[in-house]
PDB file of N, CA and C in Angstrom:
ATOM      1  N   MET A   1      64.431  89.130  81.162  1.00  0.00           N
ATOM      2  CA  MET A   1      64.397  89.410  82.621  1.00  0.00           C
ATOM      3  C   MET A   1      63.019  88.949  83.175  1.00  0.00           C
ATOM      4  N   ALA A   2      62.068  89.093  82.468  1.00  0.00           N
ATOM      5  CA  ALA A   2      60.694  88.871  83.132  1.00  0.00           C
ATOM      6  C   ALA A   2      60.472  87.312  83.360  1.00  0.00           C
ATOM      7  N   SER A   3      60.835  86.402  82.401  1.00  0.00           N
ATOM      8  CA  SER A   3      60.846  85.126  82.378  1.00  0.00           C
ATOM      9  C   SER A   3      61.789  84.644  83.471  1.00  0.00           C
ATOM     10  N   MET A   4      62.990  85.156  83.660  1.00  0.00           N
ATOM     11  CA  MET A   4      63.826  84.595  84.652  1.00  0.00           C
ATOM     12  C   MET A   4      63.307  85.075  86.275  1.00  0.00           C
ATOM     13  N   GLN A   5      62.638  86.052  86.094  1.00  0.00           N
ATOM     14  CA  GLN A   5      61.869  86.320  87.427  1.00  0.00           C
ATOM     15  C   GLN A   5      60.546  85.849  87.690  1.00  0.00           C
ATOM     16  N   ARG A   6      60.151  85.258  86.557  1.00  0.00           N
ATOM     17  CA  ARG A   6      58.925  84.520  86.662  1.00  0.00           C
ATOM     18  C   ARG A   6      57.609  85.623  86.728  1.00  0.00           C
ATOM     19  N   ARG A   7      57.751  86.434  86.017  1.00  0.00           N
ATOM     20  CA  ARG A   7      56.732  87.458  86.055  1.00  0.00           C
ATOM     21  C   ARG A   7      55.794  87.420  85.060  1.00  0.00           C
ATOM     22  N   LEU A   8      54.387  87.760  85.272  1.00  0.00           N
ATOM     23  CA  LEU A   8      53.498  87.520  84.433  1.00  0.00           C
ATOM     24  C   LEU A   8      53.390  88.882  83.310  1.00  0.00           C
ATOM     25  N   GLY A   9      53.075  88.574  82.079  1.00  0.00           N
ATOM     26  CA  GLY A   9      52.987  89.624  81.173  1.00  0.00           C
ATOM     27  C   GLY A   9      53.777  89.431  80.022  1.00  0.00           C
ATOM     28  N   PRO A  10      53.879  90.534  79.299  1.00  0.00           N
ATOM     29  CA  PRO A  10      54.939  90.104  78.048  1.00  0.00           C
ATOM     30  C   PRO A  10      56.351  89.828  78.451  1.00  0.00           C
ATOM     31  N   ASN A  11      56.825  88.985  77.945  1.00  0.00           N
ATOM     32  CA  ASN A  11      58.264  88.728  78.148  1.00  0.00           C
ATOM     33  C   ASN A  11      59.028  88.439  76.951  1.00  0.00           C
ATOM     34  N   ALA A  12      58.462  88.585  75.919  1.00  0.00           N
ATOM     35  CA  ALA A  12      59.032  88.339  74.519  1.00  0.00           C
ATOM     36  C   ALA A  12      58.868  89.581  73.638  1.00  0.00           C
ATOM     37  N   VAL A  13      59.863  90.570  73.494  1.00  0.00           N
ATOM     38  CA  VAL A  13      59.654  91.603  72.781  1.00  0.00           C
ATOM     39  C   VAL A  13      60.266  91.360  71.321  1.00  0.00           C
ATOM     40  N   GLY A  14      59.767  91.847  70.298  1.00  0.00           N
ATOM     41  CA  GLY A  14      60.138  91.562  68.765  1.00  0.00           C
ATOM     42  C   GLY A  14      59.873  89.840  68.425  1.00  0.00           C
ATOM     43  N   TYR A  15      60.474  89.760  67.226  1.00  0.00           N
ATOM     44  CA  TYR A  15      60.116  88.544  66.602  1.00  0.00           C
ATOM     45  C   TYR A  15      60.897  87.326  67.679  1.00  0.00           C
ATOM     46  N   TYR A  16      59.939  86.500  68.048  1.00  0.00           N
ATOM     47  CA  TYR A  16      60.470  85.279  68.982  1.00  0.00           C
ATOM     48  C   TYR A  16      61.164  85.822  70.048  1.00  0.00           C
ATOM     49  N   GLY A  17      61.049  87.053  70.563  1.00  0.00           N
ATOM     50  CA  GLY A  17      61.850  87.402  71.734  1.00  0.00           C
ATOM     51  C   GLY A  17      63.273  87.886  71.357  1.00  0.00           C
ATOM     52  N   LEU A  18      63.502  88.157  70.158  1.00  0.00           N
ATOM     53  CA  LEU A  18      64.884  88.580  69.891  1.00  0.00           C
ATOM     54  C   LEU A  18      65.415  89.951  70.404  1.00  0.00           C
ATOM     55  N   LEU A  19      64.426  90.797  70.601  1.00  0.00           N
ATOM     56  CA  LEU A  19      64.800  92.029  70.986  1.00  0.00           C
ATOM     57  C   LEU A  19      64.609  92.188  72.575  1.00  0.00           C
ATOM     58  N   GLN A  20      64.365  91.197  73.228  1.00  0.00           N
ATOM     59  CA  GLN A  20      64.017  91.303  74.772  1.00  0.00           C
ATOM     60  C   GLN A  20      65.204  91.882  75.485  1.00  0.00           C
ATOM     61  N   ALA A  21      66.467  91.392  75.149  1.00  0.00           N
ATOM     62  CA  ALA A  21      67.726  91.762  75.954  1.00  0.00           C
ATOM     63  C   ALA A  21      67.838  93.294  75.735  1.00  0.00           C
ATOM     64  N   PHE A  22      67.708  93.782  74.411  1.00  0.00           N
ATOM     65  CA  PHE A  22      67.779  95.210  74.190  1.00  0.00           C
ATOM     66  C   PHE A  22      66.564  95.962  75.072  1.00  0.00           C
ATOM     67  N   ALA A  23      65.397  95.398  75.041  1.00  0.00           N
ATOM     68  CA  ALA A  23      64.214  95.996  75.717  1.00  0.00           C
ATOM     69  C   ALA A  23      64.729  96.005  77.303  1.00  0.00           C
ATOM     70  N   ASP A  24      65.203  95.012  77.835  1.00  0.00           N
ATOM     71  CA  ASP A  24      65.488  94.947  79.295  1.00  0.00           C
ATOM     72  C   ASP A  24      66.747  96.035  79.644  1.00  0.00           C
ATOM     73  N   ALA A  25      67.575  95.982  78.648  1.00  0.00           N
ATOM     74  CA  ALA A  25      68.797  96.969  78.887  1.00  0.00           C
ATOM     75  C   ALA A  25      68.366  98.525  78.862  1.00  0.00           C
ATOM     76  N   LEU A  26      67.513  98.715  78.012  1.00  0.00           N
ATOM     77  CA  LEU A  26      66.845  99.925  77.979  1.00  0.00           C
ATOM     78  C   LEU A  26      66.209 100.182  79.111  1.00  0.00           C
ATOM     79  N   LYS A  27      65.529  99.504  79.761  1.00  0.00           N
ATOM     80  CA  LYS A  27      64.685  99.706  81.144  1.00  0.00           C
ATOM     81  C   LYS A  27      65.444  99.856  82.144  1.00  0.00           C
ATOM     82  N   LEU A  28      66.622  99.139  82.149  1.00  0.00           N
ATOM     83  CA  LEU A  28      67.508  99.374  83.237  1.00  0.00           C
ATOM     84  C   LEU A  28      68.354 100.650  83.323  1.00  0.00           C
ATOM     85  N   ILE A  29      68.659 100.894  81.992  1.00  0.00           N
ATOM     86  CA  ILE A  29      69.304 102.372  81.734  1.00  0.00           C
ATOM     87  C   ILE A  29      68.519 103.519  82.061  1.00  0.00           C
ATOM     88  N   LEU A  30      67.310 103.409  81.866  1.00  0.00           N
ATOM     89  CA  LEU A  30      66.171 104.618  82.177  1.00  0.00           C
ATOM     90  C   LEU A  30      65.747 104.525  83.522  1.00  0.00           C
ATOM     91  N   LYS A  31      66.386 103.624  84.332  1.00  0.00           N
ATOM     92  CA  LYS A  31      65.805 103.737  85.786  1.00  0.00           C
ATOM     93  C   LYS A  31      66.206 104.863  86.583  1.00  0.00           C
ATOM     94  N   GLU A  32      65.932 104.830  87.833  1.00  0.00           N
ATOM     95  CA  GLU A  32      66.159 106.103  88.723  1.00  0.00           C
ATOM     96  C   GLU A  32      67.665 106.357  88.699  1.00  0.00           C
ATOM     97  N   TYR A  33      68.057 107.914  88.649  1.00  0.00           N
ATOM     98  CA  TYR A  33      69.490 108.121  89.014  1.00  0.00           C
ATOM     99  C   TYR A  33      69.877 108.055  90.453  1.00  0.00           C
ATOM    100  N   VAL A  34      70.805 107.231  90.909  1.00  0.00           N
ATOM    101  CA  VAL A  34      71.193 106.812  92.085  1.00  0.00           C
ATOM    102  C   VAL A  34      72.595 107.270  92.048  1.00  0.00           C
ATOM    103  N   ALA A  35      73.034 107.910  93.019  1.00  0.00           N
ATOM    104  CA  ALA A  35      74.553 108.240  93.507  1.00  0.00           C
ATOM    105  C   ALA A  35      74.865 108.491  94.963  1.00  0.00           C
ATOM    106  N   PRO A  36      75.946 107.925  95.333  1.00  0.00           N
ATOM    107  CA  PRO A  36      76.432 108.464  96.701  1.00  0.00           C
ATOM    108  C   PRO A  36      76.564 109.813  96.780  1.00  0.00           C
ATOM    109  N   THR A  37      76.137 110.569  97.792  1.00  0.00           N
ATOM    110  CA  THR A  37      76.155 111.784  98.073  1.00  0.00           C
ATOM    111  C   THR A  37      77.544 112.450  98.288  1.00  0.00           C
ATOM    112  N   GLN A  38      78.427 111.557  98.906  1.00  0.00           N
ATOM    113  CA  GLN A  38      79.853 111.872  99.162  1.00  0.00           C
ATOM    114  C   GLN A  38      80.910 111.414  98.213  1.00  0.00           C
ATOM    115  N   ALA A  39      80.521 110.637  97.231  1.00  0.00           N
ATOM    116  CA  ALA A  39      81.356 110.145  96.225  1.00  0.00           C
ATOM    117  C   ALA A  39      81.708 111.108  95.230  1.00  0.00           C
ATOM    118  N   ASN A  40      82.838 110.937  94.516  1.00  0.00           N
ATOM    119  CA  ASN A  40      83.338 111.656  93.522  1.00  0.00           C
ATOM    120  C   ASN A  40      82.488 111.217  92.386  1.00  0.00           C
ATOM    121  N   LEU A  41      81.547 112.131  91.966  1.00  0.00           N
ATOM    122  CA  LEU A  41      80.630 111.524  90.790  1.00  0.00           C
ATOM    123  C   LEU A  41      81.355 111.128  89.446  1.00  0.00           C
ATOM    124  N   ILE A  42      82.340 111.803  89.091  1.00  0.00           N
ATOM    125  CA  ILE A  42      83.092 111.595  87.749  1.00  0.00           C
ATOM    126  C   ILE A  42      83.637 110.190  87.811  1.00  0.00           C
ATOM    127  N   LEU A  43      84.323 109.688  88.960  1.00  0.00           N
ATOM    128  CA  LEU A  43      84.938 108.494  89.086  1.00  0.00           C
ATOM    129  C   LEU A  43      84.000 107.501  89.345  1.00  0.00           C
ATOM    130  N   PHE A  44      82.821 107.749  89.947  1.00  0.00           N
ATOM    131  CA  PHE A  44      81.785 106.833  90.199  1.00  0.00           C
ATOM    132  C   PHE A  44      80.997 106.458  88.923  1.00  0.00           C
ATOM    133  N   PHE A  45      80.950 107.264  87.885  1.00  0.00           N
ATOM    134  CA  PHE A  45      80.189 106.767  86.768  1.00  0.00           C
ATOM    135  C   PHE A  45      81.229 106.640  85.711  1.00  0.00           C
ATOM    136  N   LEU A  46      82.321 107.121  85.603  1.00  0.00           N
ATOM    137  CA  LEU A  46      83.363 106.546  84.596  1.00  0.00           C
ATOM    138  C   LEU A  46      83.899 105.120  84.916  1.00  0.00           C
ATOM    139  N   GLY A  47      83.912 104.823  86.119  1.00  0.00           N
ATOM    140  CA  GLY A  47      84.403 103.363  86.533  1.00  0.00           C
ATOM    141  C   GLY A  47      83.976 102.215  85.616  1.00  0.00           C
ATOM    142  N   PRO A  48      82.499 102.087  85.488  1.00  0.00           N
ATOM    143  CA  PRO A  48      82.063 100.976  84.711  1.00  0.00           C
ATOM    144  C   PRO A  48      82.335 101.302  83.391  1.00  0.00           C
ATOM    145  N   ILE A  49      82.471 102.459  82.677  1.00  0.00           N
ATOM    146  CA  ILE A  49      82.597 102.695  81.215  1.00  0.00           C
ATOM    147  C   ILE A  49      84.019 102.344  81.054  1.00  0.00           C
ATOM    148  N   VAL A  50      84.798 102.639  81.890  1.00  0.00           N
ATOM    149  CA  VAL A  50      86.387 102.362  81.596  1.00  0.00           C
ATOM    150  C   VAL A  50      86.575 100.790  81.675  1.00  0.00           C
ATOM    151  N   THR A  51      85.783 100.240  82.615  1.00  0.00           N
ATOM    152  CA  THR A  51      85.774  98.545  82.727  1.00  0.00           C
ATOM    153  C   THR A  51      85.246  98.070  81.359  1.00  0.00           C
ATOM    154  N   LEU A  52      84.238  98.590  80.800  1.00  0.00           N
ATOM    155  CA  LEU A  52      83.753  98.100  79.576  1.00  0.00           C
ATOM    156  C   LEU A  52      84.649  98.301  78.333  1.00  0.00           C
ATOM    157  N   VAL A  53      85.426  99.586  78.215  1.00  0.00           N
ATOM    158  CA  VAL A  53      86.339  99.730  77.241  1.00  0.00           C
ATOM    159  C   VAL A  53      87.293  98.863  77.407  1.00  0.00           C
ATOM    160  N   PHE A  54      87.967  98.698  78.439  1.00  0.00           N
ATOM    161  CA  PHE A  54      89.121  97.736  78.526  1.00  0.00           C
ATOM    162  C   PHE A  54      88.858  96.134  78.108  1.00  0.00           C
ATOM    163  N   ALA A  55      87.352  95.953  78.724  1.00  0.00           N
ATOM    164  CA  ALA A  55      87.088  94.516  78.354  1.00  0.00           C
ATOM    165  C   ALA A  55      86.794  94.306  76.805  1.00  0.00           C
ATOM    166  N   LEU A  56      86.349  95.253  76.076  1.00  0.00           N
ATOM    167  CA  LEU A  56      86.276  95.176  74.500  1.00  0.00           C
ATOM    168  C   LEU A  56      87.291  95.430  73.761  1.00  0.00           C
ATOM    169  N   LEU A  57      88.314  95.950  74.392  1.00  0.00           N
ATOM    170  CA  LEU A  57      89.671  96.222  73.709  1.00  0.00           C
ATOM    171  C   LEU A  57      90.243  94.984  73.370  1.00  0.00           C
ATOM    172  N   GLY A  58      90.033  93.955  74.283  1.00  0.00           N
ATOM    173  CA  GLY A  58      90.598  92.648  73.998  1.00  0.00           C
ATOM    174  C   GLY A  58      90.261  92.044  72.474  1.00  0.00           C
ATOM    175  N   TYR A  59      89.178  92.411  72.045  1.00  0.00           N
ATOM    176  CA  TYR A  59      88.640  91.978  70.668  1.00  0.00           C
ATOM    177  C   TYR A  59      89.377  92.606  69.630  1.00  0.00           C
ATOM    178  N   ALA A  60      90.402  93.647  69.820  1.00  0.00           N
ATOM    179  CA  ALA A  60      90.821  94.259  68.695  1.00  0.00           C
ATOM    180  C   ALA A  60      92.171  93.318  68.276  1.00  0.00           C
ATOM    181  N   VAL A  61      92.474  92.381  69.132  1.00  0.00           N
ATOM    182  CA  VAL A  61      93.475  91.635  68.432  1.00  0.00           C
ATOM    183  C   VAL A  61      93.094  90.402  67.911  1.00  0.00           C
ATOM    184  N   ILE A  62      91.644  89.975  67.608  1.00  0.00           N
ATOM    185  CA  ILE A  62      91.220  89.025  66.537  1.00  0.00           C
ATOM    186  C   ILE A  62      91.404  89.441  65.268  1.00  0.00           C
ATOM    187  N   PRO A  63      92.098  88.687  64.542  1.00  0.00           N
ATOM    188  CA  PRO A  63      92.276  89.141  62.871  1.00  0.00           C
ATOM    189  C   PRO A  63      91.153  88.710  62.248  1.00  0.00           C
ATOM    190  N   TYR A  64      90.554  89.668  61.540  1.00  0.00           N
ATOM    191  CA  TYR A  64      89.361  89.465  60.562  1.00  0.00           C
ATOM    192  C   TYR A  64      89.824  89.610  58.972  1.00  0.00           C
ATOM    193  N   GLY A  65      89.157  88.983  58.392  1.00  0.00           N
ATOM    194  CA  GLY A  65      89.376  89.100  57.002  1.00  0.00           C
ATOM    195  C   GLY A  65      89.182  87.471  56.129  1.00  0.00           C
ATOM    196  N   PRO A  66      88.859  87.523  54.761  1.00  0.00           N
ATOM    197  CA  PRO A  66      88.483  86.421  54.047  1.00  0.00           C
ATOM    198  C   PRO A  66      89.569  85.471  53.976  1.00  0.00           C
ATOM    199  N   GLY A  67      91.086  85.894  54.295  1.00  0.00           N
ATOM    200  CA  GLY A  67      92.280  85.143  53.950  1.00  0.00           C
ATOM    201  C   GLY A  67      92.470  84.306  55.315  1.00  0.00           C
ATOM    202  N   LEU A  68      91.721  84.726  56.430  1.00  0.00           N
ATOM    203  CA  LEU A  68      92.321  84.149  57.681  1.00  0.00           C
ATOM    204  C   LEU A  68      91.139  83.207  58.147  1.00  0.00           C
ATOM    205  N   SER A  69      91.247  81.965  57.404  1.00  0.00           N
ATOM    206  CA  SER A  69      90.211  81.043  57.847  1.00  0.00           C
ATOM    207  C   SER A  69      90.726  79.703  58.253  1.00  0.00           C
ATOM    208  N   LEU A  70      91.931  79.820  58.692  1.00  0.00           N
ATOM    209  CA  LEU A  70      92.478  78.443  59.443  1.00  0.00           C
ATOM    210  C   LEU A  70      91.894  78.250  60.706  1.00  0.00           C
ATOM    211  N   GLY A  71      91.343  77.169  60.814  1.00  0.00           N
ATOM    212  CA  GLY A  71      90.648  76.818  62.213  1.00  0.00           C
ATOM    213  C   GLY A  71      91.559  77.022  63.487  1.00  0.00           C
ATOM    214  N   ASP A  72      92.839  76.446  63.266  1.00  0.00           N
ATOM    215  CA  ASP A  72      93.872  76.532  64.384  1.00  0.00           C
ATOM    216  C   ASP A  72      94.146  78.002  64.991  1.00  0.00           C
ATOM    217  N   MET A  73      94.162  78.741  63.629  1.00  0.00           N
ATOM    218  CA  MET A  73      94.565  80.287  63.971  1.00  0.00           C
ATOM    219  C   MET A  73      93.290  80.708  64.622  1.00  0.00           C
ATOM    220  N   GLU A  74      92.173  80.438  64.271  1.00  0.00           N
ATOM    221  CA  GLU A  74      91.118  81.147  64.729  1.00  0.00           C
ATOM    222  C   GLU A  74      90.908  80.682  66.286  1.00  0.00           C
ATOM    223  N   LEU A  75      91.087  79.487  66.555  1.00  0.00           N
ATOM    224  CA  LEU A  75      91.049  78.934  68.069  1.00  0.00           C
ATOM    225  C   LEU A  75      92.188  79.699  68.833  1.00  0.00           C
ATOM    226  N   GLY A  76      93.448  79.901  68.234  1.00  0.00           N
ATOM    227  CA  GLY A  76      94.357  80.616  68.863  1.00  0.00           C
ATOM    228  C   GLY A  76      94.078  81.989  69.228  1.00  0.00           C
ATOM    229  N   SER A  77      93.604  82.530  68.346  1.00  0.00           N
ATOM    230  CA  SER A  77      93.042  84.196  68.456  1.00  0.00           C
ATOM    231  C   SER A  77      92.086  84.086  69.429  1.00  0.00           C
ATOM    232  N   LEU A  78      91.080  83.269  69.430  1.00  0.00           N
ATOM    233  CA  LEU A  78      90.047  83.290  70.579  1.00  0.00           C
ATOM    234  C   LEU A  78      90.679  83.189  71.950  1.00  0.00           C
ATOM    235  N   ARG A  79      91.299  82.201  71.938  1.00  0.00           N
ATOM    236  CA  ARG A  79      91.830  81.665  73.497  1.00  0.00           C
ATOM    237  C   ARG A  79      92.884  82.982  73.807  1.00  0.00           C
ATOM    238  N   SER A  80      93.534  83.719  73.151  1.00  0.00           N
ATOM    239  CA  SER A  80      94.504  84.627  73.449  1.00  0.00           C
ATOM    240  C   SER A  80      93.602  85.992  73.678  1.00  0.00           C
ATOM    241  N   THR A  81      92.591  86.168  73.163  1.00  0.00           N
ATOM    242  CA  THR A  81      91.418  87.145  73.357  1.00  0.00           C
ATOM    243  C   THR A  81      90.825  86.754  74.719  1.00  0.00           C
ATOM    244  N   ALA A  82      90.339  85.538  74.967  1.00  0.00           N
ATOM    245  CA  ALA A  82      89.853  85.343  76.215  1.00  0.00           C
ATOM    246  C   ALA A  82      90.742  85.617  77.492  1.00  0.00           C
ATOM    247  N   GLN A  83      91.992  85.314  77.326  1.00  0.00           N
ATOM    248  CA  GLN A  83      92.992  85.726  78.169  1.00  0.00           C
ATOM    249  C   GLN A  83      93.250  87.104  78.534  1.00  0.00           C
ATOM    250  N   LEU A  84      93.131  87.908  77.355  1.00  0.00           N
ATOM    251  CA  LEU A  84      93.263  89.295  77.530  1.00  0.00           C
ATOM    252  C   LEU A  84      91.955  90.025  78.202  1.00  0.00           C
ATOM    253  N   ILE A  85      90.806  89.296  78.180  1.00  0.00           N
ATOM    254  CA  ILE A  85      89.649  89.981  78.587  1.00  0.00           C
ATOM    255  C   ILE A  85      89.337  89.540  80.152  1.00  0.00           C
ATOM    256  N   SER A  86      90.432  88.620  80.395  1.00  0.00           N
ATOM    257  CA  SER A  86      89.960  88.205  81.761  1.00  0.00           C
ATOM    258  C   SER A  86      89.817  89.278  82.978  1.00  0.00           C
ATOM    259  N   TYR A  87      89.001  89.128  83.821  1.00  0.00           N
ATOM    260  CA  TYR A  87      88.498  90.163  84.710  1.00  0.00           C
ATOM    261  C   TYR A  87      89.679  90.808  85.702  1.00  0.00           C
ATOM    262  N   GLU A  88      90.488  89.712  85.871  1.00  0.00           N
ATOM    263  CA  GLU A  88      91.428  90.418  86.671  1.00  0.00           C
ATOM    264  C   GLU A  88      92.613  91.621  86.070  1.00  0.00           C
ATOM    265  N   LEU A  89      92.750  91.472  84.870  1.00  0.00           N
ATOM    266  CA  LEU A  89      93.418  92.402  84.024  1.00  0.00           C
ATOM    267  C   LEU A  89      92.691  93.794  84.132  1.00  0.00           C
ATOM    268  N   VAL A  90      91.329  93.423  83.912  1.00  0.00           N
ATOM    269  CA  VAL A  90      90.510  94.761  83.740  1.00  0.00           C
ATOM    270  C   VAL A  90      90.197  95.344  84.964  1.00  0.00           C
ATOM    271  N   LEU A  91      89.732  94.726  85.923  1.00  0.00           N
ATOM    272  CA  LEU A  91      89.733  95.281  87.365  1.00  0.00           C
ATOM    273  C   LEU A  91      90.866  95.925  87.894  1.00  0.00           C
ATOM    274  N   SER A  92      92.049  95.330  87.623  1.00  0.00           N
ATOM    275  CA  SER A  92      93.435  95.877  88.297  1.00  0.00           C
ATOM    276  C   SER A  92      93.739  97.005  87.534  1.00  0.00           C
ATOM    277  N   SER A  93      93.374  97.157  86.303  1.00  0.00           N
ATOM    278  CA  SER A  93      93.450  98.529  85.239  1.00  0.00           C
ATOM    279  C   SER A  93      92.806  99.639  85.946  1.00  0.00           C
ATOM    280  N   VAL A  94      91.480  99.303  86.106  1.00  0.00           N
ATOM    281  CA  VAL A  94      90.563 100.268  86.579  1.00  0.00           C
ATOM    282  C   VAL A  94      90.912 100.923  87.745  1.00  0.00           C
ATOM    283  N   LEU A  95      91.486  99.805  88.675  1.00  0.00           N
ATOM    284  CA  LEU A  95      91.858 100.108  90.193  1.00  0.00           C
ATOM    285  C   LEU A  95      92.977 101.020  90.162  1.00  0.00           C
ATOM    286  N   LEU A  96      93.959 100.720  89.268  1.00  0.00           N
ATOM    287  CA  LEU A  96      95.132 101.557  89.237  1.00  0.00           C
ATOM    288  C   LEU A  96      94.939 102.884  88.447  1.00  0.00           C
ATOM    289  N   ILE A  97      93.826 103.144  87.907  1.00  0.00           N
ATOM    290  CA  ILE A  97      93.548 104.417  87.229  1.00  0.00           C
ATOM    291  C   ILE A  97      93.033 105.306  88.253  1.00  0.00           C
ATOM    292  N   ILE A  98      92.128 104.636  89.159  1.00  0.00           N
ATOM    293  CA  ILE A  98      91.525 105.264  90.273  1.00  0.00           C
ATOM    294  C   ILE A  98      92.461 105.768  91.231  1.00  0.00           C
ATOM    295  N   ILE A  99      93.552 104.904  91.533  1.00  0.00           N
ATOM    296  CA  ILE A  99      94.457 105.258  92.501  1.00  0.00           C
ATOM    297  C   ILE A  99      95.285 106.313  91.972  1.00  0.00           C
ATOM    298  N   MET A 100      95.643 106.224  90.672  1.00  0.00           N
ATOM    299  CA  MET A 100      96.741 107.404  90.047  1.00  0.00           C
ATOM    300  C   MET A 100      95.890 108.628  90.188  1.00  0.00           C
ATOM    301  N   ILE A 101      94.853 108.571  89.561  1.00  0.00           N
ATOM    302  CA  ILE A 101      94.033 109.972  89.683  1.00  0.00           C
ATOM    303  C   ILE A 101      93.833 110.617  90.901  1.00  0.00           C
ATOM    304  N   THR A 102      93.152 109.883  91.784  1.00  0.00           N
ATOM    305  CA  THR A 102      92.821 110.364  93.185  1.00  0.00           C
ATOM    306  C   THR A 102      93.998 110.343  94.208  1.00  0.00           C
ATOM    307  N   ASN A 103      95.061 109.458  94.066  1.00  0.00           N
ATOM    308  CA  ASN A 103      96.206 109.256  94.863  1.00  0.00           C
ATOM    309  C   ASN A 103      95.517 108.778  96.261  1.00  0.00           C
ATOM    310  N   SER A 104      94.287 108.051  96.073  1.00  0.00           N
ATOM    311  CA  SER A 104      93.757 107.327  97.296  1.00  0.00           C
ATOM    312  C   SER A 104      92.564 106.478  96.716  1.00  0.00           C
ATOM    313  N   LEU A 105      92.151 105.708  97.592  1.00  0.00           N
ATOM    314  CA  LEU A 105      90.890 104.701  97.343  1.00  0.00           C
ATOM    315  C   LEU A 105      89.819 105.300  97.994  1.00  0.00           C
ATOM    316  N   ASN A 106      89.808 106.501  98.603  1.00  0.00           N
ATOM    317  CA  ASN A 106      88.838 107.154  99.251  1.00  0.00           C
ATOM    318  C   ASN A 106      87.849 107.886  98.160  1.00  0.00           C
ATOM    319  N   LEU A 107      86.652 107.313  98.226  1.00  0.00           N
ATOM    320  CA  LEU A 107      85.708 108.131  97.196  1.00  0.00           C
ATOM    321  C   LEU A 107      84.916 109.160  97.964  1.00  0.00           C
ATOM    322  N   ASN A 108      85.267 109.594  99.207  1.00  0.00           N
ATOM    323  CA  ASN A 108      84.688 110.893  99.915  1.00  0.00           C
ATOM    324  C   ASN A 108      85.104 112.049  99.215  1.00  0.00           C
ATOM    325  N   ILE A 109      84.274 112.945  98.767  1.00  0.00           N
ATOM    326  CA  ILE A 109      84.669 113.995  97.913  1.00  0.00           C
ATOM    327  C   ILE A 109      85.262 115.199  98.986  1.00  0.00           C
ATOM    328  N   ASN A 110      84.822 115.323 100.171  1.00  0.00           N
ATOM    329  CA  ASN A 110      85.297 116.166 101.203  1.00  0.00           C
ATOM    330  C   ASN A 110      86.649 115.948 101.454  1.00  0.00           C
ATOM    331  N   ASP A 111      87.285 114.798 101.221  1.00  0.00           N
ATOM    332  CA  ASP A 111      88.752 114.249 101.738  1.00  0.00           C
ATOM    333  C   ASP A 111      89.585 114.661 100.543  1.00  0.00           C
ATOM    334  N   LEU A 112      89.074 114.944  99.342  1.00  0.00           N
ATOM    335  CA  LEU A 112      90.109 114.795  98.227  1.00  0.00           C
ATOM    336  C   LEU A 112      90.819 116.323  98.111  1.00  0.00           C
TER     337      LEU A 112
END
């Protein structure tokens, strides 16, 4: 992130910068806690987690093992995985969950 923003200072953590992404992720996770005052906090913070879980569930269909080394089968499974992880499916699933839980798209806690 430091090199992308052209900042001076250390921009390579670990051996040849291999740990830089993890250092940047840790830095962003530990930043200030910010949440809207009128939002339903459970839905506000669970939304990204549910999105990540749905996105990673697509990798469950990739067959792994020593006997599965055919090139065509690997390409086919990767293509099907890419289709399953498409952002439209994930975002529509998260939106549907929020609608079902709250019976509304309103994040104002006073109106629930």
